[in-house]
PDB file of N, CA and C in Angstrom:
ATOM      1  N   UNK A   1     -19.368  -9.791 -21.796  1.00  0.00           N
ATOM      2  CA  UNK A   1     -18.687  -8.983 -21.583  1.00  0.00           C
ATOM      3  C   UNK A   1     -18.144  -9.628 -19.904  1.00  0.00           C
ATOM      4  N   UNK A   2     -17.382  -9.073 -19.618  1.00  0.00           N
ATOM      5  CA  UNK A   2     -16.987  -9.325 -18.464  1.00  0.00           C
ATOM      6  C   UNK A   2     -17.545  -8.436 -16.930  1.00  0.00           C
ATOM      7  N   UNK A   3     -17.430  -9.164 -16.305  1.00  0.00           N
ATOM      8  CA  UNK A   3     -18.286  -8.222 -14.901  1.00  0.00           C
ATOM      9  C   UNK A   3     -16.935  -6.999 -14.911  1.00  0.00           C
ATOM     10  N   UNK A   4     -17.166  -5.462 -13.998  1.00  0.00           N
ATOM     11  CA  UNK A   4     -15.890  -4.881 -13.844  1.00  0.00           C
ATOM     12  C   UNK A   4     -16.176  -4.481 -12.767  1.00  0.00           C
ATOM     13  N   UNK A   5     -15.010  -4.193 -12.081  1.00  0.00           N
ATOM     14  CA  UNK A   5     -15.700  -3.505 -10.179  1.00  0.00           C
ATOM     15  C   UNK A   5     -14.884  -2.678  -9.983  1.00  0.00           C
ATOM     16  N   UNK A   6     -15.820  -1.597 -10.177  1.00  0.00           N
ATOM     17  CA  UNK A   6     -15.314  -0.228 -10.154  1.00  0.00           C
ATOM     18  C   UNK A   6     -15.134   0.661  -8.619  1.00  0.00           C
ATOM     19  N   UNK A   7     -15.012  -0.441  -7.662  1.00  0.00           N
ATOM     20  CA  UNK A   7     -14.451  -0.192  -6.004  1.00  0.00           C
ATOM     21  C   UNK A   7     -13.266  -0.608  -5.725  1.00  0.00           C
ATOM     22  N   UNK A   8     -12.823   0.565  -4.632  1.00  0.00           N
ATOM     23  CA  UNK A   8     -11.332  -0.033  -4.327  1.00  0.00           C
ATOM     24  C   UNK A   8     -10.811  -1.447  -4.028  1.00  0.00           C
ATOM     25  N   UNK A   9     -10.218  -2.199  -4.562  1.00  0.00           N
ATOM     26  CA  UNK A   9     -10.181  -3.826  -4.073  1.00  0.00           C
ATOM     27  C   UNK A   9      -8.483  -3.348  -3.017  1.00  0.00           C
ATOM     28  N   UNK A  10      -8.453  -3.969  -2.105  1.00  0.00           N
ATOM     29  CA  UNK A  10      -7.178  -3.813  -1.419  1.00  0.00           C
ATOM     30  C   UNK A  10      -6.151  -4.648  -2.806  1.00  0.00           C
ATOM     31  N   UNK A  11      -5.248  -4.599  -2.853  1.00  0.00           N
ATOM     32  CA  UNK A  11      -3.841  -4.931  -3.649  1.00  0.00           C
ATOM     33  C   UNK A  11      -3.093  -5.493  -2.848  1.00  0.00           C
ATOM     34  N   UNK A  12      -2.329  -5.003  -1.932  1.00  0.00           N
ATOM     35  CA  UNK A  12      -2.157  -5.358  -0.919  1.00  0.00           C
ATOM     36  C   UNK A  12      -1.637  -3.928   0.629  1.00  0.00           C
ATOM     37  N   UNK A  13      -1.844  -4.881   1.778  1.00  0.00           N
ATOM     38  CA  UNK A  13      -1.647  -4.001   2.841  1.00  0.00           C
ATOM     39  C   UNK A  13      -0.992  -4.422   3.668  1.00  0.00           C
ATOM     40  N   UNK A  14       0.100  -3.724   3.741  1.00  0.00           N
ATOM     41  CA  UNK A  14       0.919  -4.319   4.692  1.00  0.00           C
ATOM     42  C   UNK A  14       1.296  -3.198   5.948  1.00  0.00           C
ATOM     43  N   UNK A  15       1.829  -3.923   6.774  1.00  0.00           N
ATOM     44  CA  UNK A  15       2.578  -2.616   7.908  1.00  0.00           C
ATOM     45  C   UNK A  15       4.056  -3.489   8.359  1.00  0.00           C
ATOM     46  N   UNK A  16       4.732  -2.027   9.136  1.00  0.00           N
ATOM     47  CA  UNK A  16       5.669  -2.077   9.580  1.00  0.00           C
ATOM     48  C   UNK A  16       5.423  -1.635  11.216  1.00  0.00           C
ATOM     49  N   UNK A  17       6.327  -1.103  12.014  1.00  0.00           N
ATOM     50  CA  UNK A  17       6.132  -0.994  13.768  1.00  0.00           C
ATOM     51  C   UNK A  17       5.312   0.150  13.608  1.00  0.00           C
ATOM     52  N   UNK A  18       5.403   1.028  13.384  1.00  0.00           N
ATOM     53  CA  UNK A  18       4.397   2.410  13.081  1.00  0.00           C
ATOM     54  C   UNK A  18       3.725   2.532  12.225  1.00  0.00           C
ATOM     55  N   UNK A  19       3.550   1.915  11.158  1.00  0.00           N
ATOM     56  CA  UNK A  19       3.136   2.095   9.948  1.00  0.00           C
ATOM     57  C   UNK A  19       2.430   1.273   8.407  1.00  0.00           C
ATOM     58  N   UNK A  20       1.027   1.503   8.664  1.00  0.00           N
ATOM     59  CA  UNK A  20       0.248   0.966   7.447  1.00  0.00           C
ATOM     60  C   UNK A  20       0.193   1.414   6.562  1.00  0.00           C
ATOM     61  N   UNK A  21       0.867   0.805   5.275  1.00  0.00           N
ATOM     62  CA  UNK A  21       0.014   1.411   3.772  1.00  0.00           C
ATOM     63  C   UNK A  21      -0.486   0.021   2.655  1.00  0.00           C
ATOM     64  N   UNK A  22      -1.538   0.724   2.381  1.00  0.00           N
ATOM     65  CA  UNK A  22      -2.247   0.170   2.052  1.00  0.00           C
ATOM     66  C   UNK A  22      -2.476   0.447   0.219  1.00  0.00           C
ATOM     67  N   UNK A  23      -1.994  -0.950  -1.008  1.00  0.00           N
ATOM     68  CA  UNK A  23      -2.196  -0.523  -2.524  1.00  0.00           C
ATOM     69  C   UNK A  23      -3.750  -0.680  -2.647  1.00  0.00           C
ATOM     70  N   UNK A  24      -4.225   0.095  -2.788  1.00  0.00           N
ATOM     71  CA  UNK A  24      -5.922  -0.142  -3.676  1.00  0.00           C
ATOM     72  C   UNK A  24      -5.829  -0.589  -5.156  1.00  0.00           C
ATOM     73  N   UNK A  25      -6.630  -0.976  -5.285  1.00  0.00           N
ATOM     74  CA  UNK A  25      -6.761  -0.986  -7.055  1.00  0.00           C
ATOM     75  C   UNK A  25      -7.793  -1.196  -7.267  1.00  0.00           C
ATOM     76  N   UNK A  26      -8.336  -0.305  -8.801  1.00  0.00           N
ATOM     77  CA  UNK A  26      -9.905  -0.230  -9.022  1.00  0.00           C
ATOM     78  C   UNK A  26      -9.451  -0.508 -10.621  1.00  0.00           C
ATOM     79  N   UNK A  27     -10.428  -1.830 -10.946  1.00  0.00           N
ATOM     80  CA  UNK A  27     -10.322  -2.391 -12.320  1.00  0.00           C
ATOM     81  C   UNK A  27     -11.136  -1.630 -13.308  1.00  0.00           C
ATOM     82  N   UNK A  28     -10.868  -0.979 -14.194  1.00  0.00           N
ATOM     83  CA  UNK A  28     -11.562  -0.231 -15.141  1.00  0.00           C
ATOM     84  C   UNK A  28     -12.592  -0.919 -15.980  1.00  0.00           C
ATOM     85  N   UNK A  29     -13.720  -0.086 -16.859  1.00  0.00           N
ATOM     86  CA  UNK A  29     -14.292  -0.950 -17.755  1.00  0.00           C
ATOM     87  C   UNK A  29     -13.374  -1.710 -19.147  1.00  0.00           C
ATOM     88  N   UNK A  30     -11.921  -1.101 -18.952  1.00  0.00           N
ATOM     89  CA  UNK A  30     -11.413  -1.608 -20.210  1.00  0.00           C
ATOM     90  C   UNK A  30     -10.560  -2.909 -19.088  1.00  0.00           C
ATOM     91  N   UNK A  31     -10.567  -3.066 -18.037  1.00  0.00           N
ATOM     92  CA  UNK A  31     -10.042  -4.543 -17.939  1.00  0.00           C
ATOM     93  C   UNK A  31      -8.582  -4.175 -16.997  1.00  0.00           C
ATOM     94  N   UNK A  32      -8.624  -2.618 -17.485  1.00  0.00           N
ATOM     95  CA  UNK A  32      -7.314  -2.680 -17.063  1.00  0.00           C
ATOM     96  C   UNK A  32      -6.837  -1.521 -15.633  1.00  0.00           C
ATOM     97  N   UNK A  33      -6.081  -1.907 -14.406  1.00  0.00           N
ATOM     98  CA  UNK A  33      -6.269  -0.798 -13.570  1.00  0.00           C
ATOM     99  C   UNK A  33      -5.416   0.149 -13.457  1.00  0.00           C
ATOM    100  N   UNK A  34      -6.085   0.967 -12.031  1.00  0.00           N
ATOM    101  CA  UNK A  34      -5.331   1.642 -11.699  1.00  0.00           C
ATOM    102  C   UNK A  34      -4.909   1.534  -9.841  1.00  0.00           C
ATOM    103  N   UNK A  35      -4.342   2.347  -9.521  1.00  0.00           N
ATOM    104  CA  UNK A  35      -3.714   2.093  -8.400  1.00  0.00           C
ATOM    105  C   UNK A  35      -3.200   3.325  -7.866  1.00  0.00           C
ATOM    106  N   UNK A  36      -3.414   3.307  -6.055  1.00  0.00           N
ATOM    107  CA  UNK A  36      -3.440   4.339  -5.130  1.00  0.00           C
ATOM    108  C   UNK A  36      -3.024   3.982  -4.166  1.00  0.00           C
ATOM    109  N   UNK A  37      -1.973   4.866  -3.463  1.00  0.00           N
ATOM    110  CA  UNK A  37      -1.483   3.800  -2.153  1.00  0.00           C
ATOM    111  C   UNK A  37      -1.983   4.800  -0.314  1.00  0.00           C
ATOM    112  N   UNK A  38      -2.026   4.580   0.094  1.00  0.00           N
ATOM    113  CA  UNK A  38      -2.994   4.863   1.492  1.00  0.00           C
ATOM    114  C   UNK A  38      -1.659   5.312   2.495  1.00  0.00           C
ATOM    115  N   UNK A  39      -1.326   5.932   3.145  1.00  0.00           N
ATOM    116  CA  UNK A  39       0.256   5.601   4.387  1.00  0.00           C
ATOM    117  C   UNK A  39      -0.711   5.795   5.274  1.00  0.00           C
ATOM    118  N   UNK A  40      -0.232   5.036   6.202  1.00  0.00           N
ATOM    119  CA  UNK A  40      -1.533   5.632   7.844  1.00  0.00           C
ATOM    120  C   UNK A  40      -0.639   5.210   9.125  1.00  0.00           C
ATOM    121  N   UNK A  41       0.122   6.366   9.310  1.00  0.00           N
ATOM    122  CA  UNK A  41       0.933   6.354  10.596  1.00  0.00           C
ATOM    123  C   UNK A  41       0.271   6.583  11.696  1.00  0.00           C
ATOM    124  N   UNK A  42      -0.339   6.571  12.351  1.00  0.00           N
ATOM    125  CA  UNK A  42      -1.644   7.170  13.353  1.00  0.00           C
ATOM    126  C   UNK A  42      -1.022   6.633  14.644  1.00  0.00           C
ATOM    127  N   UNK A  43      -0.904   5.260  14.525  1.00  0.00           N
ATOM    128  CA  UNK A  43       0.232   4.325  15.620  1.00  0.00           C
ATOM    129  C   UNK A  43       0.877   5.527  16.216  1.00  0.00           C
ATOM    130  N   UNK A  44       1.348   6.848  15.860  1.00  0.00           N
ATOM    131  CA  UNK A  44       2.483   7.427  16.012  1.00  0.00           C
ATOM    132  C   UNK A  44       1.672   8.753  16.445  1.00  0.00           C
ATOM    133  N   UNK A  45       0.305   9.341  17.038  1.00  0.00           N
ATOM    134  CA  UNK A  45       0.158  10.202  17.293  1.00  0.00           C
ATOM    135  C   UNK A  45      -0.236  10.173  18.360  1.00  0.00           C
ATOM    136  N   UNK A  46      -0.032   8.833  19.463  1.00  0.00           N
ATOM    137  CA  UNK A  46       0.328   8.878  20.997  1.00  0.00           C
ATOM    138  C   UNK A  46       1.970   9.889  21.300  1.00  0.00           C
ATOM    139  N   UNK A  47       2.612   9.816  20.439  1.00  0.00           N
ATOM    140  CA  UNK A  47       4.143  10.429  20.624  1.00  0.00           C
ATOM    141  C   UNK A  47       4.079  11.915  20.904  1.00  0.00           C
ATOM    142  N   UNK A  48       3.056  12.495  19.821  1.00  0.00           N
ATOM    143  CA  UNK A  48       2.664  13.193  19.912  1.00  0.00           C
ATOM    144  C   UNK A  48       2.293  14.302  20.935  1.00  0.00           C
ATOM    145  N   UNK A  49       3.084  15.799  21.002  1.00  0.00           N
ATOM    146  CA  UNK A  49       2.945  16.248  22.344  1.00  0.00           C
ATOM    147  C   UNK A  49       1.888  17.536  21.619  1.00  0.00           C
ATOM    148  N   UNK A  50       0.962  17.897  22.632  1.00  0.00           N
ATOM    149  CA  UNK A  50      -0.570  18.727  22.777  1.00  0.00           C
ATOM    150  C   UNK A  50       0.156  19.969  21.873  1.00  0.00           C
ATOM    151  N   UNK A  51       1.040  20.046  21.881  1.00  0.00           N
ATOM    152  CA  UNK A  51       1.281  21.339  20.859  1.00  0.00           C
ATOM    153  C   UNK A  51       1.797  21.629  19.230  1.00  0.00           C
ATOM    154  N   UNK A  52       2.099  19.824  19.456  1.00  0.00           N
ATOM    155  CA  UNK A  52       2.773  19.593  18.021  1.00  0.00           C
ATOM    156  C   UNK A  52       1.486  18.722  16.957  1.00  0.00           C
ATOM    157  N   UNK A  53       0.093  18.858  17.708  1.00  0.00           N
ATOM    158  CA  UNK A  53      -1.504  18.930  17.062  1.00  0.00           C
ATOM    159  C   UNK A  53      -1.415  19.238  15.852  1.00  0.00           C
ATOM    160  N   UNK A  54      -0.813  19.932  15.550  1.00  0.00           N
ATOM    161  CA  UNK A  54      -1.292  20.604  13.908  1.00  0.00           C
ATOM    162  C   UNK A  54      -0.162  19.556  13.017  1.00  0.00           C
ATOM    163  N   UNK A  55       0.148  18.498  13.521  1.00  0.00           N
ATOM    164  CA  UNK A  55       1.094  17.695  13.065  1.00  0.00           C
ATOM    165  C   UNK A  55       0.536  15.966  12.053  1.00  0.00           C
ATOM    166  N   UNK A  56      -0.840  16.329  13.085  1.00  0.00           N
ATOM    167  CA  UNK A  56      -1.479  14.940  13.020  1.00  0.00           C
ATOM    168  C   UNK A  56      -2.178  14.652  10.844  1.00  0.00           C
ATOM    169  N   UNK A  57      -2.377  15.574  10.489  1.00  0.00           N
ATOM    170  CA  UNK A  57      -2.386  15.056   8.763  1.00  0.00           C
ATOM    171  C   UNK A  57      -1.420  14.807   8.311  1.00  0.00           C
ATOM    172  N   UNK A  58       0.061  14.732   8.795  1.00  0.00           N
ATOM    173  CA  UNK A  58       1.256  14.762   8.201  1.00  0.00           C
ATOM    174  C   UNK A  58       1.238  13.223   8.159  1.00  0.00           C
ATOM    175  N   UNK A  59       0.425  12.759   9.153  1.00  0.00           N
ATOM    176  CA  UNK A  59       0.499  11.158   9.824  1.00  0.00           C
ATOM    177  C   UNK A  59      -0.597  10.225   8.704  1.00  0.00           C
ATOM    178  N   UNK A  60      -0.721  10.838   7.840  1.00  0.00           N
ATOM    179  CA  UNK A  60      -1.671  10.116   7.052  1.00  0.00           C
ATOM    180  C   UNK A  60      -1.670  11.007   5.192  1.00  0.00           C
ATOM    181  N   UNK A  61      -2.068   9.920   4.605  1.00  0.00           N
ATOM    182  CA  UNK A  61      -1.414  10.621   2.914  1.00  0.00           C
ATOM    183  C   UNK A  61      -1.794   9.789   1.864  1.00  0.00           C
ATOM    184  N   UNK A  62      -2.437   9.703   1.133  1.00  0.00           N
ATOM    185  CA  UNK A  62      -2.339   9.029   0.286  1.00  0.00           C
ATOM    186  C   UNK A  62      -1.751   9.658  -1.306  1.00  0.00           C
ATOM    187  N   UNK A  63      -1.239   8.590  -2.243  1.00  0.00           N
ATOM    188  CA  UNK A  63      -1.055   8.982  -3.257  1.00  0.00           C
ATOM    189  C   UNK A  63      -1.681   9.143  -4.356  1.00  0.00           C
ATOM    190  N   UNK A  64      -1.098   9.958  -5.857  1.00  0.00           N
ATOM    191  CA  UNK A  64      -2.283   9.648  -6.903  1.00  0.00           C
ATOM    192  C   UNK A  64      -2.365   8.560  -7.612  1.00  0.00           C
ATOM    193  N   UNK A  65      -3.173   8.385  -8.230  1.00  0.00           N
ATOM    194  CA  UNK A  65      -3.548   7.212  -8.828  1.00  0.00           C
ATOM    195  C   UNK A  65      -2.439   6.893 -10.457  1.00  0.00           C
ATOM    196  N   UNK A  66      -2.518   5.620  -9.680  1.00  0.00           N
ATOM    197  CA  UNK A  66      -0.892   5.154 -11.082  1.00  0.00           C
ATOM    198  C   UNK A  66      -1.948   4.480 -12.223  1.00  0.00           C
ATOM    199  N   UNK A  67      -1.081   3.944 -13.214  1.00  0.00           N
ATOM    200  CA  UNK A  67      -1.969   3.066 -14.269  1.00  0.00           C
ATOM    201  C   UNK A  67      -1.360   1.775 -14.704  1.00  0.00           C
ATOM    202  N   UNK A  68      -0.035   1.511 -13.995  1.00  0.00           N
ATOM    203  CA  UNK A  68       0.221   0.691 -14.492  1.00  0.00           C
ATOM    204  C   UNK A  68       0.980  -0.736 -13.021  1.00  0.00           C
ATOM    205  N   UNK A  69       1.486  -1.256 -12.952  1.00  0.00           N
ATOM    206  CA  UNK A  69       1.595  -2.286 -12.105  1.00  0.00           C
ATOM    207  C   UNK A  69       3.649  -1.430 -11.660  1.00  0.00           C
ATOM    208  N   UNK A  70       4.009  -1.621 -12.759  1.00  0.00           N
ATOM    209  CA  UNK A  70       5.461  -1.090 -12.111  1.00  0.00           C
ATOM    210  C   UNK A  70       5.213   0.417 -11.885  1.00  0.00           C
ATOM    211  N   UNK A  71       4.318   1.219 -11.778  1.00  0.00           N
ATOM    212  CA  UNK A  71       3.766   2.259 -10.873  1.00  0.00           C
ATOM    213  C   UNK A  71       3.873   2.514  -9.657  1.00  0.00           C
ATOM    214  N   UNK A  72       2.751   0.969  -9.601  1.00  0.00           N
ATOM    215  CA  UNK A  72       2.409   0.868  -8.418  1.00  0.00           C
ATOM    216  C   UNK A  72       3.382   0.019  -7.068  1.00  0.00           C
ATOM    217  N   UNK A  73       4.232   0.038  -7.696  1.00  0.00           N
ATOM    218  CA  UNK A  73       5.788  -0.773  -6.812  1.00  0.00           C
ATOM    219  C   UNK A  73       6.489   0.254  -7.057  1.00  0.00           C
ATOM    220  N   UNK A  74       6.649   1.337  -7.332  1.00  0.00           N
ATOM    221  CA  UNK A  74       7.552   2.115  -7.796  1.00  0.00           C
ATOM    222  C   UNK A  74       6.976   3.096  -5.775  1.00  0.00           C
ATOM    223  N   UNK A  75       5.380   3.436  -5.869  1.00  0.00           N
ATOM    224  CA  UNK A  75       4.751   3.693  -4.422  1.00  0.00           C
ATOM    225  C   UNK A  75       4.938   3.255  -3.529  1.00  0.00           C
ATOM    226  N   UNK A  76       5.382   1.791  -3.953  1.00  0.00           N
ATOM    227  CA  UNK A  76       5.227   0.884  -2.622  1.00  0.00           C
ATOM    228  C   UNK A  76       7.012   1.188  -2.162  1.00  0.00           C
ATOM    229  N   UNK A  77       7.760   1.610  -3.261  1.00  0.00           N
ATOM    230  CA  UNK A  77       9.299   1.425  -2.904  1.00  0.00           C
ATOM    231  C   UNK A  77       9.589   2.821  -2.583  1.00  0.00           C
ATOM    232  N   UNK A  78       9.108   2.919  -1.952  1.00  0.00           N
ATOM    233  CA  UNK A  78       8.923   4.618  -1.044  1.00  0.00           C
ATOM    234  C   UNK A  78       9.107   4.099   0.110  1.00  0.00           C
ATOM    235  N   UNK A  79       8.899   2.505   0.582  1.00  0.00           N
ATOM    236  CA  UNK A  79       8.690   2.409   1.921  1.00  0.00           C
ATOM    237  C   UNK A  79       9.735   1.035   1.854  1.00  0.00           C
ATOM    238  N   UNK A  80      10.210   0.390   2.865  1.00  0.00           N
ATOM    239  CA  UNK A  80      10.388  -0.589   2.550  1.00  0.00           C
ATOM    240  C   UNK A  80       9.632  -2.278   3.024  1.00  0.00           C
ATOM    241  N   UNK A  81       8.317  -2.032   2.489  1.00  0.00           N
ATOM    242  CA  UNK A  81       7.702  -2.863   2.281  1.00  0.00           C
ATOM    243  C   UNK A  81       7.599  -4.351   2.456  1.00  0.00           C
ATOM    244  N   UNK A  82       9.297  -4.616   1.698  1.00  0.00           N
ATOM    245  CA  UNK A  82       9.519  -6.051   1.537  1.00  0.00           C
ATOM    246  C   UNK A  82       9.690  -6.678   2.878  1.00  0.00           C
ATOM    247  N   UNK A  83      10.316  -5.678   3.331  1.00  0.00           N
ATOM    248  CA  UNK A  83      10.466  -6.305   5.511  1.00  0.00           C
ATOM    249  C   UNK A  83       8.934  -5.883   5.814  1.00  0.00           C
ATOM    250  N   UNK A  84       7.967  -5.515   5.741  1.00  0.00           N
ATOM    251  CA  UNK A  84       6.514  -5.871   6.553  1.00  0.00           C
ATOM    252  C   UNK A  84       6.274  -7.084   6.458  1.00  0.00           C
ATOM    253  N   UNK A  85       4.817  -6.924   6.913  1.00  0.00           N
ATOM    254  CA  UNK A  85       4.378  -7.884   6.754  1.00  0.00           C
ATOM    255  C   UNK A  85       2.942  -8.164   6.250  1.00  0.00           C
ATOM    256  N   UNK A  86       2.654  -8.747   6.013  1.00  0.00           N
ATOM    257  CA  UNK A  86       1.221  -8.592   5.002  1.00  0.00           C
ATOM    258  C   UNK A  86       0.345  -9.300   5.646  1.00  0.00           C
ATOM    259  N   UNK A  87      -0.427  -8.208   5.548  1.00  0.00           N
ATOM    260  CA  UNK A  87      -1.761  -8.212   6.488  1.00  0.00           C
ATOM    261  C   UNK A  87      -3.119  -9.011   5.143  1.00  0.00           C
ATOM    262  N   UNK A  88      -3.337  -8.516   4.397  1.00  0.00           N
ATOM    263  CA  UNK A  88      -4.070  -8.275   3.333  1.00  0.00           C
ATOM    264  C   UNK A  88      -3.085  -8.343   1.638  1.00  0.00           C
ATOM    265  N   UNK A  89      -3.693  -9.495   0.820  1.00  0.00           N
ATOM    266  CA  UNK A  89      -3.667  -9.008  -0.589  1.00  0.00           C
ATOM    267  C   UNK A  89      -4.669 -10.237  -1.690  1.00  0.00           C
ATOM    268  N   UNK A  90      -4.291  -9.816  -2.536  1.00  0.00           N
ATOM    269  CA  UNK A  90      -4.595 -10.448  -3.435  1.00  0.00           C
ATOM    270  C   UNK A  90      -3.661 -11.402  -4.303  1.00  0.00           C
ATOM    271  N   UNK A  91      -4.291 -12.528  -4.437  1.00  0.00           N
ATOM    272  CA  UNK A  91      -3.538 -13.598  -4.936  1.00  0.00           C
ATOM    273  C   UNK A  91      -2.492 -12.987  -6.192  1.00  0.00           C
ATOM    274  N   UNK A  92      -2.745 -12.349  -6.947  1.00  0.00           N
ATOM    275  CA  UNK A  92      -2.513 -12.212  -7.940  1.00  0.00           C
ATOM    276  C   UNK A  92      -1.195 -11.155  -7.443  1.00  0.00           C
ATOM    277  N   UNK A  93      -1.509 -10.794  -7.149  1.00  0.00           N
ATOM    278  CA  UNK A  93       0.118  -9.202  -6.160  1.00  0.00           C
ATOM    279  C   UNK A  93       0.867 -11.084  -5.581  1.00  0.00           C
ATOM    280  N   UNK A  94       0.758 -11.588  -5.362  1.00  0.00           N
ATOM    281  CA  UNK A  94       1.823 -12.530  -5.101  1.00  0.00           C
ATOM    282  C   UNK A  94       2.303 -13.381  -5.794  1.00  0.00           C
ATOM    283  N   UNK A  95       1.435 -13.827  -6.568  1.00  0.00           N
ATOM    284  CA  UNK A  95       1.951 -14.560  -7.531  1.00  0.00           C
ATOM    285  C   UNK A  95       2.526 -13.728  -8.466  1.00  0.00           C
ATOM    286  N   UNK A  96       2.638 -12.179  -8.812  1.00  0.00           N
ATOM    287  CA  UNK A  96       3.734 -11.563  -9.399  1.00  0.00           C
ATOM    288  C   UNK A  96       5.034 -11.404  -8.383  1.00  0.00           C
ATOM    289  N   UNK A  97       5.197 -10.466  -7.310  1.00  0.00           N
ATOM    290  CA  UNK A  97       5.586  -9.902  -7.037  1.00  0.00           C
ATOM    291  C   UNK A  97       5.811 -10.796  -5.283  1.00  0.00           C
ATOM    292  N   UNK A  98       5.074 -12.344  -4.834  1.00  0.00           N
ATOM    293  CA  UNK A  98       5.275 -12.693  -3.361  1.00  0.00           C
ATOM    294  C   UNK A  98       7.127 -12.821  -3.683  1.00  0.00           C
ATOM    295  N   UNK A  99       7.760 -13.248  -4.380  1.00  0.00           N
ATOM    296  CA  UNK A  99       8.746 -13.479  -3.861  1.00  0.00           C
ATOM    297  C   UNK A  99       9.939 -12.899  -3.323  1.00  0.00           C
ATOM    298  N   UNK A 100       9.668 -11.016  -4.120  1.00  0.00           N
ATOM    299  CA  UNK A 100      10.320 -10.267  -3.038  1.00  0.00           C
ATOM    300  C   UNK A 100      10.684 -10.044  -2.081  1.00  0.00           C
ATOM    301  N   UNK A 101       9.385 -10.430  -0.863  1.00  0.00           N
ATOM    302  CA  UNK A 101       9.456 -10.752   0.734  1.00  0.00           C
ATOM    303  C   UNK A 101      10.390 -12.143   0.604  1.00  0.00           C
ATOM    304  N   UNK A 102      10.055 -13.074   0.318  1.00  0.00           N
ATOM    305  CA  UNK A 102      11.339 -14.135   0.883  1.00  0.00           C
ATOM    306  C   UNK A 102      12.732 -12.992   0.355  1.00  0.00           C
ATOM    307  N   UNK A 103      12.805 -12.548  -0.714  1.00  0.00           N
ATOM    308  CA  UNK A 103      14.035 -12.461  -1.058  1.00  0.00           C
ATOM    309  C   UNK A 103      14.922 -11.467  -0.219  1.00  0.00           C
ATOM    310  N   UNK A 104      13.983 -10.551   0.430  1.00  0.00           N
ATOM    311  CA  UNK A 104      14.217  -9.779   0.842  1.00  0.00           C
ATOM    312  C   UNK A 104      14.712  -9.901   2.401  1.00  0.00           C
ATOM    313  N   UNK A 105      13.361 -10.953   2.724  1.00  0.00           N
ATOM    314  CA  UNK A 105      13.929 -11.175   4.272  1.00  0.00           C
ATOM    315  C   UNK A 105      14.967 -12.786   4.277  1.00  0.00           C
ATOM    316  N   UNK A 106      15.571 -12.851   2.976  1.00  0.00           N
ATOM    317  CA  UNK A 106      16.603 -14.337   3.959  1.00  0.00           C
ATOM    318  C   UNK A 106      17.727 -13.388   3.617  1.00  0.00           C
ATOM    319  N   UNK A 107      17.552 -12.033   3.218  1.00  0.00           N
ATOM    320  CA  UNK A 107      19.108 -11.053   3.564  1.00  0.00           C
ATOM    321  C   UNK A 107      19.093 -10.611   5.228  1.00  0.00           C
ATOM    322  N   UNK A 108      18.302 -10.923   5.919  1.00  0.00           N
ATOM    323  CA  UNK A 108      18.339 -10.513   7.055  1.00  0.00           C
ATOM    324  C   UNK A 108      19.512 -11.237   7.745  1.00  0.00           C
TER     325      UNK A 108
END
């Protein structure tokens, strides 16, 4: 029986000017993946006025879990992720979708 990793693994960590998005994956006992996306715009906190402190929680968010690669891409597609710089990734993600970075960047 294959070893199962129930810990979150970074599938893709991507950053733009003021945003960091991280797609995590968890491999279940059935060897299927489930995915969750976290958004961190904490760099924008420096631009908030003191009276806007109540907006701080809006700079961080997390999606619900999804259970297919297509749905994981739908989560990513809420952001211009193919224009960002991938900081971390697993090779299977890049093998599957890495060409999207190249294609998008050729259009600049």
